[in-house]
């Protein structure tokens, strides 16, 4: 895939969806954010850390670097404010990373090794697509936990994002 504008739109959407999710998480009582629930990622807070961990891991793969994350559920940040800061930095880093790539770099094959030892290869464009779809997948889990806490759930579908873009005078999605 050589469509950089499409990939940048996905990464921008992902950043917006993260911001919408964090906005509503910040309105929750802290004990609801950290409450242990019947979900593989234990809590909203652990799920948010997981999303950041995965983005860091895949960015390292794409850059040909190693990462220092031994477990997908590791809590790297103990406070929601610090986690939100790191999330925003990662979203900006991913946007800048996409901007730095040319068409050939998007099609370049990236070899990876997952924490569990599984290996594979994907184009850099598919790695970036994975980050956006992985974020949506786990924000769905987080939305379920909002329901368990009887709180209004984030509305982060792409059409909602598109309407938010138009309301701010932004460009339509590609």
C-alpha atoms as a PDB file:
ATOM      1  CA  UNK A   1       0.000   0.000   0.000  1.00  0.00           C
ATOM      2  CA  UNK A   2       1.383   3.348  -1.010  1.00  0.00           C
ATOM      3  CA  UNK A   3      -1.517   5.543   0.130  1.00  0.00           C
ATOM      4  CA  UNK A   4       0.143   7.602   2.834  1.00  0.00           C
ATOM      5  CA  UNK A   5      -2.863   9.910   3.229  1.00  0.00           C
ATOM      6  CA  UNK A   6      -5.058   6.926   4.087  1.00  0.00           C
ATOM      7  CA  UNK A   7      -2.578   5.640   6.676  1.00  0.00           C
ATOM      8  CA  UNK A   8      -2.159   9.106   8.174  1.00  0.00           C
ATOM      9  CA  UNK A   9      -5.969   9.368   8.410  1.00  0.00           C
ATOM     10  CA  UNK A  10      -6.059   6.041  10.284  1.00  0.00           C
ATOM     11  CA  UNK A  11      -3.366   7.182  12.712  1.00  0.00           C
ATOM     12  CA  UNK A  12      -5.127  10.553  13.180  1.00  0.00           C
ATOM     13  CA  UNK A  13      -8.406   8.745  13.801  1.00  0.00           C
ATOM     14  CA  UNK A  14      -6.684   6.497  16.337  1.00  0.00           C
ATOM     15  CA  UNK A  15      -5.285   9.543  18.179  1.00  0.00           C
ATOM     16  CA  UNK A  16      -8.732  11.162  18.236  1.00  0.00           C
ATOM     17  CA  UNK A  17     -10.370   7.956  19.501  1.00  0.00           C
ATOM     18  CA  UNK A  18      -7.725   7.692  22.216  1.00  0.00           C
ATOM     19  CA  UNK A  19      -8.426  11.286  23.272  1.00  0.00           C
ATOM     20  CA  UNK A  20     -12.193  10.674  23.383  1.00  0.00           C
ATOM     21  CA  UNK A  21     -11.675   7.564  25.478  1.00  0.00           C
ATOM     22  CA  UNK A  22      -9.295   9.268  27.908  1.00  0.00           C
ATOM     23  CA  UNK A  23     -11.660  12.236  28.214  1.00  0.00           C
ATOM     24  CA  UNK A  24     -14.424   9.972  29.491  1.00  0.00           C
ATOM     25  CA  UNK A  25     -12.080   7.835  31.584  1.00  0.00           C
ATOM     26  CA  UNK A  26     -10.908  11.008  33.354  1.00  0.00           C
ATOM     27  CA  UNK A  27     -14.540  11.729  34.319  1.00  0.00           C
ATOM     28  CA  UNK A  28     -14.914   8.329  36.015  1.00  0.00           C
ATOM     29  CA  UNK A  29     -14.292   7.757  39.710  1.00  0.00           C
ATOM     30  CA  UNK A  30     -10.685   6.487  40.000  1.00  0.00           C
ATOM     31  CA  UNK A  31     -11.811   3.251  41.644  1.00  0.00           C
ATOM     32  CA  UNK A  32     -13.871   2.414  38.517  1.00  0.00           C
ATOM     33  CA  UNK A  33     -10.834   2.984  36.287  1.00  0.00           C
ATOM     34  CA  UNK A  34      -8.687   0.533  38.245  1.00  0.00           C
ATOM     35  CA  UNK A  35     -11.422  -1.897  39.294  1.00  0.00           C
ATOM     36  CA  UNK A  36     -10.647  -5.544  38.494  1.00  0.00           C
ATOM     37  CA  UNK A  37     -13.187  -6.818  35.967  1.00  0.00           C
ATOM     38  CA  UNK A  38     -13.868 -10.073  34.146  1.00  0.00           C
ATOM     39  CA  UNK A  39     -11.789  -9.192  31.107  1.00  0.00           C
ATOM     40  CA  UNK A  40      -8.392 -10.459  29.921  1.00  0.00           C
ATOM     41  CA  UNK A  41      -6.766  -7.070  30.562  1.00  0.00           C
ATOM     42  CA  UNK A  42      -8.136  -6.788  34.104  1.00  0.00           C
ATOM     43  CA  UNK A  43      -9.230  -3.120  34.153  1.00  0.00           C
ATOM     44  CA  UNK A  44      -9.671   0.036  32.128  1.00  0.00           C
ATOM     45  CA  UNK A  45      -6.336   1.279  33.461  1.00  0.00           C
ATOM     46  CA  UNK A  46      -4.425  -1.875  32.496  1.00  0.00           C
ATOM     47  CA  UNK A  47      -6.135  -1.819  29.076  1.00  0.00           C
ATOM     48  CA  UNK A  48      -4.972   1.760  28.446  1.00  0.00           C
ATOM     49  CA  UNK A  49      -1.418   0.798  29.435  1.00  0.00           C
ATOM     50  CA  UNK A  50      -1.665  -2.221  27.108  1.00  0.00           C
ATOM     51  CA  UNK A  51      -2.580  -0.042  24.134  1.00  0.00           C
ATOM     52  CA  UNK A  52       0.440   2.162  24.760  1.00  0.00           C
ATOM     53  CA  UNK A  53       2.712  -0.875  25.231  1.00  0.00           C
ATOM     54  CA  UNK A  54       1.624  -2.376  21.925  1.00  0.00           C
ATOM     55  CA  UNK A  55       2.173   0.900  20.066  1.00  0.00           C
ATOM     56  CA  UNK A  56       5.662   1.140  21.546  1.00  0.00           C
ATOM     57  CA  UNK A  57       6.447  -2.448  20.598  1.00  0.00           C
ATOM     58  CA  UNK A  58       5.300  -2.070  16.990  1.00  0.00           C
ATOM     59  CA  UNK A  59       7.028   1.285  16.558  1.00  0.00           C
ATOM     60  CA  UNK A  60      10.244  -0.400  17.701  1.00  0.00           C
ATOM     61  CA  UNK A  61       9.674  -3.220  15.181  1.00  0.00           C
ATOM     62  CA  UNK A  62       9.119  -0.700  12.378  1.00  0.00           C
ATOM     63  CA  UNK A  63      12.260   1.218  13.339  1.00  0.00           C
ATOM     64  CA  UNK A  64      14.329  -1.965  13.586  1.00  0.00           C
ATOM     65  CA  UNK A  65      14.894  -1.388  17.301  1.00  0.00           C
ATOM     66  CA  UNK A  66      14.360  -3.481  20.384  1.00  0.00           C
ATOM     67  CA  UNK A  67      11.857  -2.606  23.087  1.00  0.00           C
ATOM     68  CA  UNK A  68      12.004  -3.082  26.839  1.00  0.00           C
ATOM     69  CA  UNK A  69       8.441  -4.276  27.399  1.00  0.00           C
ATOM     70  CA  UNK A  70       8.475  -7.833  28.764  1.00  0.00           C
ATOM     71  CA  UNK A  71       4.706  -8.224  29.233  1.00  0.00           C
ATOM     72  CA  UNK A  72       1.750  -6.803  27.320  1.00  0.00           C
ATOM     73  CA  UNK A  73      -0.109  -6.130  30.590  1.00  0.00           C
ATOM     74  CA  UNK A  74       2.741  -4.255  32.266  1.00  0.00           C
ATOM     75  CA  UNK A  75       1.658  -1.012  33.843  1.00  0.00           C
ATOM     76  CA  UNK A  76       4.274   1.498  32.742  1.00  0.00           C
ATOM     77  CA  UNK A  77       2.559   4.492  34.343  1.00  0.00           C
ATOM     78  CA  UNK A  78       0.906   4.560  37.758  1.00  0.00           C
ATOM     79  CA  UNK A  79      -1.211   7.673  37.279  1.00  0.00           C
ATOM     80  CA  UNK A  80      -3.821   8.386  34.650  1.00  0.00           C
ATOM     81  CA  UNK A  81      -2.327  11.844  34.063  1.00  0.00           C
ATOM     82  CA  UNK A  82       1.127  10.402  33.348  1.00  0.00           C
ATOM     83  CA  UNK A  83      -0.380   7.697  31.148  1.00  0.00           C
ATOM     84  CA  UNK A  84      -2.364  10.333  29.213  1.00  0.00           C
ATOM     85  CA  UNK A  85       0.800  12.384  28.684  1.00  0.00           C
ATOM     86  CA  UNK A  86       2.623   9.331  27.347  1.00  0.00           C
ATOM     87  CA  UNK A  87      -0.369   8.435  25.150  1.00  0.00           C
ATOM     88  CA  UNK A  88      -0.411  11.896  23.588  1.00  0.00           C
ATOM     89  CA  UNK A  89       3.347  11.751  22.981  1.00  0.00           C
ATOM     90  CA  UNK A  90       2.995   8.346  21.320  1.00  0.00           C
ATOM     91  CA  UNK A  91       0.151   9.541  19.109  1.00  0.00           C
ATOM     92  CA  UNK A  92       2.239  12.533  17.977  1.00  0.00           C
ATOM     93  CA  UNK A  93       5.244  10.253  17.441  1.00  0.00           C
ATOM     94  CA  UNK A  94       3.191   7.920  15.251  1.00  0.00           C
ATOM     95  CA  UNK A  95       1.845  10.861  13.227  1.00  0.00           C
ATOM     96  CA  UNK A  96       5.371  12.222  12.731  1.00  0.00           C
ATOM     97  CA  UNK A  97       6.602   8.735  11.858  1.00  0.00           C
ATOM     98  CA  UNK A  98       3.988   8.325   9.123  1.00  0.00           C
ATOM     99  CA  UNK A  99       4.847  11.787   7.801  1.00  0.00           C
ATOM    100  CA  UNK A 100       8.523  10.797   7.575  1.00  0.00           C
ATOM    101  CA  UNK A 101       7.861   7.762   5.356  1.00  0.00           C
ATOM    102  CA  UNK A 102       7.901   7.658   1.585  1.00  0.00           C
ATOM    103  CA  UNK A 103       5.929   5.204  -0.558  1.00  0.00           C
ATOM    104  CA  UNK A 104       8.767   2.691  -0.709  1.00  0.00           C
ATOM    105  CA  UNK A 105       9.131   2.716   3.083  1.00  0.00           C
ATOM    106  CA  UNK A 106       5.414   2.003   3.444  1.00  0.00           C
ATOM    107  CA  UNK A 107       5.775  -1.152   1.368  1.00  0.00           C
ATOM    108  CA  UNK A 108       8.994  -2.286   3.044  1.00  0.00           C
ATOM    109  CA  UNK A 109       8.638  -5.597   4.892  1.00  0.00           C
ATOM    110  CA  UNK A 110       9.149  -5.454   8.646  1.00  0.00           C
ATOM    111  CA  UNK A 111      10.191  -8.627  10.442  1.00  0.00           C
ATOM    112  CA  UNK A 112       8.919  -8.886  13.994  1.00  0.00           C
ATOM    113  CA  UNK A 113       9.060 -11.109  17.022  1.00  0.00           C
ATOM    114  CA  UNK A 114       6.181 -10.905  19.473  1.00  0.00           C
ATOM    115  CA  UNK A 115       6.660 -11.116  23.224  1.00  0.00           C
ATOM    116  CA  UNK A 116       5.464 -14.735  23.193  1.00  0.00           C
ATOM    117  CA  UNK A 117       8.120 -15.621  20.625  1.00  0.00           C
ATOM    118  CA  UNK A 118       5.931 -15.803  17.509  1.00  0.00           C
ATOM    119  CA  UNK A 119       7.578 -14.252  14.475  1.00  0.00           C
ATOM    120  CA  UNK A 120       6.334 -12.895  11.205  1.00  0.00           C
ATOM    121  CA  UNK A 121       6.637 -10.232   8.551  1.00  0.00           C
ATOM    122  CA  UNK A 122       4.286  -7.445   7.513  1.00  0.00           C
ATOM    123  CA  UNK A 123       4.606  -4.390   5.327  1.00  0.00           C
ATOM    124  CA  UNK A 124       5.153  -1.200   7.297  1.00  0.00           C
ATOM    125  CA  UNK A 125       1.767   0.004   6.022  1.00  0.00           C
ATOM    126  CA  UNK A 126       0.116  -3.109   7.461  1.00  0.00           C
ATOM    127  CA  UNK A 127       1.927  -2.589  10.790  1.00  0.00           C
ATOM    128  CA  UNK A 128       0.418   0.904  10.961  1.00  0.00           C
ATOM    129  CA  UNK A 129      -2.993  -0.446   9.997  1.00  0.00           C
ATOM    130  CA  UNK A 130      -2.644  -3.003  12.776  1.00  0.00           C
ATOM    131  CA  UNK A 131      -2.049  -0.236  15.324  1.00  0.00           C
ATOM    132  CA  UNK A 132      -5.298   1.508  14.356  1.00  0.00           C
ATOM    133  CA  UNK A 133      -7.376  -1.669  14.297  1.00  0.00           C
ATOM    134  CA  UNK A 134      -5.803  -2.976  17.510  1.00  0.00           C
ATOM    135  CA  UNK A 135      -6.677   0.309  19.199  1.00  0.00           C
ATOM    136  CA  UNK A 136     -10.288   0.027  18.048  1.00  0.00           C
ATOM    137  CA  UNK A 137     -10.482  -3.565  19.218  1.00  0.00           C
ATOM    138  CA  UNK A 138      -9.329  -2.800  22.745  1.00  0.00           C
ATOM    139  CA  UNK A 139     -11.275   0.447  23.013  1.00  0.00           C
ATOM    140  CA  UNK A 140     -14.269  -1.833  22.426  1.00  0.00           C
ATOM    141  CA  UNK A 141     -13.274  -3.807  25.512  1.00  0.00           C
ATOM    142  CA  UNK A 142     -12.877  -0.546  27.415  1.00  0.00           C
ATOM    143  CA  UNK A 143     -16.327   0.530  26.229  1.00  0.00           C
ATOM    144  CA  UNK A 144     -17.726  -2.703  27.658  1.00  0.00           C
ATOM    145  CA  UNK A 145     -16.111  -1.899  30.994  1.00  0.00           C
ATOM    146  CA  UNK A 146     -17.779   1.540  30.881  1.00  0.00           C
ATOM    147  CA  UNK A 147     -21.077  -0.317  30.582  1.00  0.00           C
ATOM    148  CA  UNK A 148     -20.183  -2.492  33.561  1.00  0.00           C
ATOM    149  CA  UNK A 149     -19.519   0.706  35.522  1.00  0.00           C
ATOM    150  CA  UNK A 150     -22.868   2.120  34.321  1.00  0.00           C
ATOM    151  CA  UNK A 151     -21.115   5.084  32.708  1.00  0.00           C
ATOM    152  CA  UNK A 152     -21.691   6.658  29.282  1.00  0.00           C
ATOM    153  CA  UNK A 153     -19.523   4.819  26.772  1.00  0.00           C
ATOM    154  CA  UNK A 154     -17.113   6.535  24.380  1.00  0.00           C
ATOM    155  CA  UNK A 155     -18.462   6.921  20.865  1.00  0.00           C
ATOM    156  CA  UNK A 156     -15.391   6.502  18.683  1.00  0.00           C
ATOM    157  CA  UNK A 157     -16.597   5.106  15.361  1.00  0.00           C
ATOM    158  CA  UNK A 158     -15.054   6.567  12.208  1.00  0.00           C
ATOM    159  CA  UNK A 159     -18.307   8.338  11.183  1.00  0.00           C
ATOM    160  CA  UNK A 160     -18.336  10.092  14.576  1.00  0.00           C
ATOM    161  CA  UNK A 161     -14.729  11.134  13.954  1.00  0.00           C
ATOM    162  CA  UNK A 162     -15.628  12.398  10.479  1.00  0.00           C
ATOM    163  CA  UNK A 163     -18.424  14.554  11.910  1.00  0.00           C
ATOM    164  CA  UNK A 164     -16.032  15.911  14.547  1.00  0.00           C
ATOM    165  CA  UNK A 165     -13.545  16.778  11.785  1.00  0.00           C
ATOM    166  CA  UNK A 166     -16.216  18.628   9.803  1.00  0.00           C
ATOM    167  CA  UNK A 167     -17.392  20.489  12.911  1.00  0.00           C
ATOM    168  CA  UNK A 168     -13.816  21.732  13.400  1.00  0.00           C
ATOM    169  CA  UNK A 169     -13.492  22.737   9.731  1.00  0.00           C
ATOM    170  CA  UNK A 170     -11.122  19.864   8.988  1.00  0.00           C
ATOM    171  CA  UNK A 171     -10.567  18.099   5.707  1.00  0.00           C
ATOM    172  CA  UNK A 172     -12.773  15.123   4.809  1.00  0.00           C
ATOM    173  CA  UNK A 173     -11.348  11.658   5.212  1.00  0.00           C
ATOM    174  CA  UNK A 174      -9.645  10.140   2.147  1.00  0.00           C
END
